[in-house]
Amino acid sequence: MKELCANPTPPENPRSDSNARANSNTPASDLLIDRLSLENTAACDAVIDLWYDGDLINQDTNADDDLQNCYASGRGSVLIARQSPQQPIIATIMVGHDGITGWVHYLVVASPKRGQGHGAMMLEMAENILLAAGLATCKVHAASPRAAKFYRRQGYRQAPAPDSGWSAGPAHTDDARFYEKRLTS
């Protein structure tokens, strides 16, 4: 099983070029996707701010620990998106796996940029990374009914909650919000 952190940039795939730039025929054609560097504290702070703004975490969450744990696992990465290298981060997604199943977390797009295909493009890139790592399934926990609707539009189907070790926090107690998708190349 390949480690997701081994390659500092998302892998090439038939739906994006080597610069991880979205296909010009898609609504998100102006999106540049890159891997978050933990050494870039300003970028890490911007990612965490997006998580708060998107109501993905609450004030009790130690988001810095989530970032550190993702990278320390050797099986995860955080992707960031901008419309140009000099512009602010407008979207983020955490992608990783447990050796068997891929997971995505913290998919969020800045509110003024929603509805332009950026979330779908970020999810597609995460799915391609999981495929490149040899995984056939991706699972998500939708943080809201709106997020659940988004995942269903992307081909995800409702799935049972994990048997153990899952703690989504007090704001996320609805087990009906787990979804999975079979990934194909």
Protein backbone atom coordinates (compact mmCIF):
# COMPACT_ATOMS: atom_id res chain seq x y z
CA MET A 1 0.00 0.00 0.00
CA LYS A 2 1.49 3.35 -1.01
CA GLU A 3 1.87 6.14 1.52
CA LEU A 4 -0.06 9.27 0.67
CA CYS A 5 2.67 11.54 1.99
CA ALA A 6 5.39 10.07 -0.19
CA ASN A 7 4.52 12.31 -3.16
CA PRO A 8 4.41 16.03 -2.30
CA THR A 9 1.90 16.77 -5.07
CA PRO A 10 -1.29 14.99 -6.07
CA PRO A 11 -0.75 12.28 -8.72
CA GLU A 12 -1.49 12.79 -12.37
CA ASN A 13 -4.76 11.36 -13.54
CA PRO A 14 -6.81 11.39 -16.71
CA ARG A 15 -8.92 14.24 -15.37
CA SER A 16 -6.14 16.71 -14.45
CA ASP A 17 -2.78 17.73 -15.88
CA SER A 18 0.61 17.42 -14.19
CA ASN A 19 0.20 20.74 -12.40
CA ALA A 20 -2.96 19.46 -10.67
CA ARG A 21 -4.88 22.14 -12.55
CA ALA A 22 -8.50 21.36 -13.25
CA ASN A 23 -9.60 20.52 -16.80
CA SER A 24 -10.51 23.74 -18.61
CA ASN A 25 -13.92 22.30 -19.53
CA THR A 26 -15.03 22.06 -15.89
CA PRO A 27 -16.65 24.79 -13.79
CA ALA A 28 -13.60 24.81 -11.49
CA SER A 29 -11.08 25.36 -14.29
CA ASP A 30 -9.32 28.11 -12.36
CA LEU A 31 -8.45 25.86 -9.43
CA LEU A 32 -4.82 25.10 -8.48
CA ILE A 33 -4.56 22.18 -6.06
CA ASP A 34 -1.46 21.54 -3.97
CA ARG A 35 -0.44 19.67 -0.82
CA LEU A 36 -0.43 21.69 2.40
CA SER A 37 3.03 22.09 3.91
CA LEU A 38 2.98 21.98 7.70
CA GLU A 39 5.99 24.29 7.70
CA ASN A 40 3.84 27.05 6.19
CA THR A 41 2.10 28.26 9.34
CA ALA A 42 0.13 30.94 7.50
CA ALA A 43 -1.34 28.31 5.16
CA CYS A 44 -2.09 25.99 8.09
CA ASP A 45 -3.87 28.84 9.88
CA ALA A 46 -5.87 29.61 6.71
CA VAL A 47 -6.93 25.95 6.45
CA ILE A 48 -8.03 25.87 10.08
CA ASP A 49 -9.94 29.13 9.59
CA LEU A 50 -11.80 27.53 6.67
CA TRP A 51 -12.67 24.56 8.89
CA TYR A 52 -14.13 26.93 11.49
CA ASP A 53 -15.94 29.03 8.88
CA GLY A 54 -17.45 25.88 7.38
CA ASP A 55 -18.64 24.68 10.81
CA LEU A 56 -16.55 21.53 10.47
CA ILE A 57 -14.92 21.99 13.87
CA ASN A 58 -15.79 23.77 17.08
CA GLN A 59 -13.66 25.81 19.45
CA ASP A 60 -12.91 22.69 21.55
CA THR A 61 -11.23 20.95 18.61
CA ASN A 62 -7.45 21.03 18.49
CA ALA A 63 -7.17 21.45 14.74
CA ASP A 64 -3.36 21.70 14.86
CA ASP A 65 -3.31 18.17 16.31
CA ASP A 66 -5.57 16.96 13.49
CA LEU A 67 -3.10 18.32 10.92
CA GLN A 68 -0.08 16.86 12.72
CA ASN A 69 -1.75 13.45 13.18
CA CYS A 70 -2.75 13.31 9.52
CA TYR A 71 0.84 13.78 8.34
CA ALA A 72 2.43 11.73 11.14
CA SER A 73 0.34 8.72 10.15
CA GLY A 74 2.18 8.47 6.84
CA ARG A 75 -1.22 7.76 5.29
CA GLY A 76 -2.69 11.21 4.92
CA SER A 77 -2.40 14.62 3.35
CA VAL A 78 -4.29 17.88 3.25
CA LEU A 79 -4.95 19.38 -0.15
CA ILE A 80 -5.46 23.10 -0.59
CA ALA A 81 -6.87 25.01 -3.53
CA ARG A 82 -6.27 28.52 -4.77
CA GLN A 83 -7.24 30.33 -7.93
CA SER A 84 -3.63 31.44 -8.38
CA PRO A 85 -0.45 30.90 -6.35
CA GLN A 86 -0.65 34.39 -4.85
CA GLN A 87 -4.33 34.25 -3.86
CA PRO A 88 -5.76 32.95 -0.57
CA ILE A 89 -6.71 29.33 0.02
CA ILE A 90 -10.34 28.87 -0.99
CA ALA A 91 -10.82 25.13 -0.40
CA THR A 92 -9.35 22.25 1.54
CA ILE A 93 -9.79 18.51 2.00
CA MET A 94 -8.01 15.97 4.21
CA VAL A 95 -7.46 12.60 2.54
CA GLY A 96 -6.09 9.45 4.12
CA HIS A 97 -6.61 5.76 4.70
CA ASP A 98 -6.37 3.04 7.31
CA GLY A 99 -4.69 0.53 5.00
CA ILE A 100 -8.02 -0.84 3.81
CA THR A 101 -10.42 2.03 3.24
CA GLY A 102 -9.88 5.60 2.10
CA TRP A 103 -11.41 8.49 4.02
CA VAL A 104 -11.91 12.15 3.30
CA HIS A 105 -12.45 14.75 6.01
CA TYR A 106 -12.70 18.51 6.25
CA LEU A 107 -13.88 19.21 2.72
CA VAL A 108 -14.81 22.88 2.71
CA VAL A 109 -14.96 25.70 0.19
CA ALA A 110 -14.95 29.36 1.22
CA SER A 111 -18.55 30.57 1.19
CA PRO A 112 -18.13 33.17 -1.62
CA LYS A 113 -16.65 30.45 -3.85
CA ARG A 114 -19.30 27.75 -3.29
CA GLY A 115 -21.42 26.48 -6.14
CA GLN A 116 -18.63 26.78 -8.72
CA GLY A 117 -17.51 23.13 -8.76
CA HIS A 118 -14.54 23.58 -6.42
CA GLY A 119 -15.78 21.05 -3.84
CA ALA A 120 -16.38 18.43 -6.52
CA MET A 121 -12.90 19.03 -7.94
CA MET A 122 -11.28 18.68 -4.51
CA LEU A 123 -13.18 15.46 -3.83
CA GLU A 124 -12.24 14.08 -7.24
CA MET A 125 -8.56 14.80 -6.59
CA ALA A 126 -8.76 13.08 -3.19
CA GLU A 127 -10.44 10.05 -4.78
CA ASN A 128 -7.69 9.88 -7.42
CA ILE A 129 -5.03 9.94 -4.69
CA LEU A 130 -6.76 7.06 -2.93
CA LEU A 131 -6.95 5.11 -6.19
CA ALA A 132 -3.25 5.70 -6.79
CA ALA A 133 -2.59 4.32 -3.29
CA GLY A 134 -4.42 1.12 -4.27
CA LEU A 135 -7.67 1.72 -2.39
CA ALA A 136 -11.04 0.79 -3.85
CA THR A 137 -13.42 2.51 -1.41
CA CYS A 138 -13.71 6.01 -0.01
CA LYS A 139 -15.81 6.85 3.04
CA VAL A 140 -17.00 10.19 4.40
CA HIS A 141 -18.97 11.57 7.30
CA ALA A 142 -21.25 14.34 6.09
CA ALA A 143 -21.26 17.13 8.69
CA SER A 144 -24.69 18.41 7.67
CA PRO A 145 -27.71 17.54 5.53
CA ARG A 146 -26.31 19.93 2.88
CA ALA A 147 -23.02 18.02 2.86
CA ALA A 148 -24.90 14.69 2.65
CA LYS A 149 -26.73 15.96 -0.43
CA PHE A 150 -23.40 17.01 -1.98
CA TYR A 151 -21.86 13.58 -1.41
CA ARG A 152 -24.91 11.82 -2.85
CA ARG A 153 -24.57 13.97 -5.99
CA GLN A 154 -20.95 12.80 -6.24
CA GLY A 155 -22.01 9.13 -6.26
CA TYR A 156 -21.73 8.31 -2.55
CA ARG A 157 -24.28 5.97 -0.96
CA GLN A 158 -25.35 5.78 2.67
CA ALA A 159 -23.23 3.40 4.74
CA PRO A 160 -23.25 2.14 8.32
CA ALA A 161 -21.30 4.07 10.92
CA PRO A 162 -17.89 2.62 11.82
CA ASP A 163 -18.07 0.00 14.58
CA SER A 164 -15.57 1.61 16.94
CA GLY A 165 -13.24 4.50 17.42
CA TRP A 166 -15.50 7.07 15.77
CA SER A 167 -16.02 10.33 17.59
CA ALA A 168 -17.53 13.08 15.51
CA GLY A 169 -18.19 15.32 18.49
CA PRO A 170 -21.46 16.51 19.95
CA ALA A 171 -22.57 18.38 16.82
CA HIS A 172 -22.26 15.24 14.69
CA THR A 173 -24.31 12.48 16.31
CA ASP A 174 -26.41 11.45 13.29
CA ASP A 175 -25.12 8.02 12.18
CA ALA A 176 -27.17 8.37 8.97
CA ARG A 177 -24.53 10.76 7.66
CA PHE A 178 -21.93 8.15 6.76
CA TYR A 179 -21.42 7.55 3.05
CA GLU A 180 -19.12 5.50 0.86
CA LYS A 181 -18.22 5.23 -2.79
CA ARG A 182 -16.58 2.47 -4.76
CA LEU A 183 -13.62 4.02 -6.59
CA THR A 184 -12.84 2.98 -10.14
CA SER A 185 -10.01 3.92 -12.44
